[in-house]
Protein backbone atom coordinates (compact mmCIF):
# COMPACT_ATOMS: atom_id res chain seq x y z
CA UNK A 1 18.55 -18.52 -52.09
CA UNK A 2 17.80 -17.97 -55.35
CA UNK A 3 14.93 -19.71 -56.16
CA UNK A 4 12.90 -18.74 -52.61
CA UNK A 5 11.45 -15.99 -53.80
CA UNK A 6 13.23 -13.42 -51.81
CA UNK A 7 15.04 -10.40 -52.81
CA UNK A 8 18.96 -11.28 -52.80
CA UNK A 9 22.09 -9.79 -54.52
CA UNK A 10 25.57 -11.82 -53.52
CA UNK A 11 29.54 -9.99 -53.23
CA UNK A 12 32.08 -12.52 -53.13
CA UNK A 13 35.25 -10.16 -52.33
CA UNK A 14 38.98 -11.37 -52.80
CA UNK A 15 41.49 -12.10 -50.25
CA UNK A 16 40.94 -9.03 -47.29
CA UNK A 17 43.45 -6.13 -46.60
CA UNK A 18 42.99 -6.70 -43.07
CA UNK A 19 43.84 -10.20 -43.30
CA UNK A 20 47.66 -8.43 -43.16
CA UNK A 21 47.18 -6.33 -40.11
CA UNK A 22 44.25 -7.77 -37.96
CA UNK A 23 43.88 -11.44 -39.62
CA UNK A 24 45.82 -14.59 -39.70
CA UNK A 25 49.36 -12.72 -41.50
CA UNK A 26 49.76 -10.11 -39.73
CA UNK A 27 52.07 -12.57 -36.82
CA UNK A 28 54.50 -14.17 -39.49
CA UNK A 29 53.76 -10.14 -41.11
CA UNK A 30 55.69 -8.83 -37.39
CA UNK A 31 57.65 -11.80 -36.82
CA UNK A 32 58.68 -11.09 -40.25
CA UNK A 33 58.49 -13.53 -42.66
CA UNK A 34 54.98 -14.20 -44.53
CA UNK A 35 55.91 -17.80 -45.60
CA UNK A 36 52.61 -19.39 -48.16
CA UNK A 37 52.00 -21.78 -51.20
CA UNK A 38 50.63 -18.69 -53.35
CA UNK A 39 53.78 -18.60 -56.22
CA UNK A 40 53.49 -15.90 -58.49
CA UNK A 41 49.43 -14.72 -59.48
CA UNK A 42 48.95 -11.36 -58.60
CA UNK A 43 45.22 -10.74 -56.62
CA UNK A 44 43.32 -7.84 -55.93
CA UNK A 45 43.52 -7.23 -52.27
CA UNK A 46 39.78 -5.04 -51.29
CA UNK A 47 39.33 -3.56 -47.96
CA UNK A 48 36.60 -4.41 -45.72
CA UNK A 49 35.47 -0.58 -45.56
CA UNK A 50 34.69 -1.28 -48.65
CA UNK A 51 33.29 -4.80 -48.32
CA UNK A 52 31.15 -3.32 -45.52
CA UNK A 53 30.27 -0.03 -48.07
CA UNK A 54 28.65 -1.66 -50.50
CA UNK A 55 27.25 -4.23 -48.20
CA UNK A 56 25.26 -1.27 -46.89
CA UNK A 57 24.30 0.52 -50.72
CA UNK A 58 23.00 -3.09 -51.67
CA UNK A 59 20.39 -3.06 -48.96
CA UNK A 60 19.93 0.74 -48.88
CA UNK A 61 19.32 0.89 -52.01
CA UNK A 62 17.15 -0.72 -55.44
CA UNK A 63 18.51 -1.95 -58.42
CA UNK A 64 20.63 -4.92 -57.45
CA UNK A 65 17.83 -7.99 -57.38
CA UNK A 66 19.39 -11.10 -58.78
CA UNK A 67 22.96 -9.48 -58.87
CA UNK A 68 26.90 -11.26 -58.44
CA UNK A 69 29.46 -8.67 -57.45
CA UNK A 70 32.91 -9.75 -56.97
CA UNK A 71 34.45 -7.78 -54.71
CA UNK A 72 38.00 -6.52 -55.53
CA UNK A 73 40.60 -3.24 -55.07
CA UNK A 74 42.58 -1.38 -57.78
CA UNK A 75 44.68 -3.47 -58.36
CA UNK A 76 46.54 -6.39 -58.58
CA UNK A 77 49.89 -7.20 -56.84
CA UNK A 78 51.16 -10.68 -55.93
CA UNK A 79 52.04 -11.26 -52.27
CA UNK A 80 55.16 -10.89 -52.76
CA UNK A 81 54.78 -6.96 -54.32
CA UNK A 82 52.35 -6.50 -51.22
CA UNK A 83 55.02 -7.11 -48.73
CA UNK A 84 57.93 -5.59 -49.63
CA UNK A 85 54.86 -2.63 -49.61
CA UNK A 86 54.62 -3.30 -46.51
CA UNK A 87 58.40 -3.10 -45.41
CA UNK A 88 59.15 0.30 -46.66
CA UNK A 89 56.58 1.86 -45.38
CA UNK A 90 56.56 0.01 -41.63
CA UNK A 91 60.47 1.09 -42.14
CA UNK A 92 61.67 -2.88 -41.40
CA UNK A 93 62.47 -6.33 -43.33
CA UNK A 94 59.79 -7.59 -43.99
CA UNK A 95 59.54 -10.67 -46.30
CA UNK A 96 57.64 -12.81 -48.77
CA UNK A 97 58.62 -16.61 -49.15
CA UNK A 98 57.69 -19.18 -51.54
CA UNK A 99 56.17 -22.44 -49.57
CA UNK A 100 55.24 -25.46 -51.40
CA UNK A 101 52.23 -27.19 -51.05
CA UNK A 102 53.24 -29.80 -48.56
CA UNK A 103 55.32 -27.73 -46.10
CA UNK A 104 52.65 -25.11 -45.82
CA UNK A 105 49.92 -28.24 -44.77
CA UNK A 106 52.52 -29.37 -42.28
CA UNK A 107 52.45 -26.61 -40.85
CA UNK A 108 49.41 -25.82 -40.95
CA UNK A 109 48.59 -29.51 -38.96
CA UNK A 110 52.02 -28.84 -37.43
CA UNK A 111 49.79 -25.72 -35.53
CA UNK A 112 46.37 -27.10 -34.62
CA UNK A 113 44.44 -27.70 -37.89
CA UNK A 114 42.38 -30.13 -39.00
CA UNK A 115 42.52 -32.53 -42.27
CA UNK A 116 38.95 -30.22 -43.48
CA UNK A 117 40.44 -27.27 -42.78
CA UNK A 118 43.58 -27.67 -44.27
CA UNK A 119 41.54 -29.10 -47.23
CA UNK A 120 39.09 -26.05 -47.40
CA UNK A 121 43.14 -24.12 -47.13
CA UNK A 122 44.57 -26.03 -50.07
CA UNK A 123 41.19 -25.10 -52.62
CA UNK A 124 41.38 -21.46 -51.77
CA UNK A 125 45.40 -21.12 -52.86
CA UNK A 126 44.69 -23.59 -55.43
CA UNK A 127 42.25 -21.14 -56.61
CA UNK A 128 44.70 -17.78 -56.25
CA UNK A 129 47.46 -19.69 -58.30
CA UNK A 130 45.59 -20.45 -61.28
CA UNK A 131 44.68 -16.82 -61.80
CA UNK A 132 41.07 -17.55 -60.93
CA UNK A 133 40.62 -14.41 -58.94
CA UNK A 134 43.56 -11.94 -60.56
CA UNK A 135 41.63 -9.41 -62.12
CA UNK A 136 40.79 -6.63 -60.84
CA UNK A 137 36.66 -5.58 -61.26
CA UNK A 138 34.40 -2.69 -61.40
CA UNK A 139 32.04 -3.44 -58.78
CA UNK A 140 32.69 -0.80 -56.52
CA UNK A 141 32.65 1.44 -59.09
CA UNK A 142 29.39 0.44 -59.60
CA UNK A 143 27.68 0.48 -56.62
CA UNK A 144 29.36 2.60 -54.78
CA UNK A 145 30.62 5.46 -57.79
CA UNK A 146 34.26 5.51 -56.07
CA UNK A 147 37.68 3.26 -56.65
CA UNK A 148 37.83 1.21 -54.10
CA UNK A 149 40.69 1.87 -51.35
CA UNK A 150 43.91 1.18 -52.59
CA UNK A 151 46.26 -0.63 -51.95
CA UNK A 152 49.07 1.08 -51.35
CA UNK A 153 46.80 3.58 -49.10
CA UNK A 154 45.76 1.12 -46.92
CA UNK A 155 49.56 -0.10 -46.39
CA UNK A 156 50.08 3.78 -45.35
CA UNK A 157 47.34 3.32 -42.82
CA UNK A 158 47.83 0.18 -41.13
CA UNK A 159 51.53 0.82 -40.85
CA UNK A 160 51.12 4.37 -39.10
CA UNK A 161 49.27 2.68 -36.56
CA UNK A 162 51.91 0.04 -35.81
CA UNK A 163 50.54 -3.09 -38.32
CA UNK A 164 54.09 -4.07 -38.83
CA UNK A 165 56.31 -2.79 -35.79
């Protein structure tokens, strides 16, 4: 793409807030336990609306050609902190537990994941554990002129909609 001669911009968002209420972590959270091999590295989760707003702004305005935007939320939280916040706001018991890579791999395989899928998830979690995605960025503010959605605001809205009830 970079060598094609076309105008381009790249956005690289962190984990989405909505993974907790619409995506892969909803069912475990509703069951009361999210168990992952993340470690203690924080993650500045980003709201998908911020990602969409940035993408729309890049398509509709000039001055972004050749730029790469690392998109994140405004603050980094550990998965344990995020789950604790969800439990508090939802008013129910939900906990986070740390799994070993081997335990998580076994769960994925038992759930029908292919070896390629397991390897992709392993690579994502390895980058997270290493802290490569831990620092919040100001890319949303650079593009939109406003702060990204705070994780607490997302949790309040999702809980009010019954995401983890």
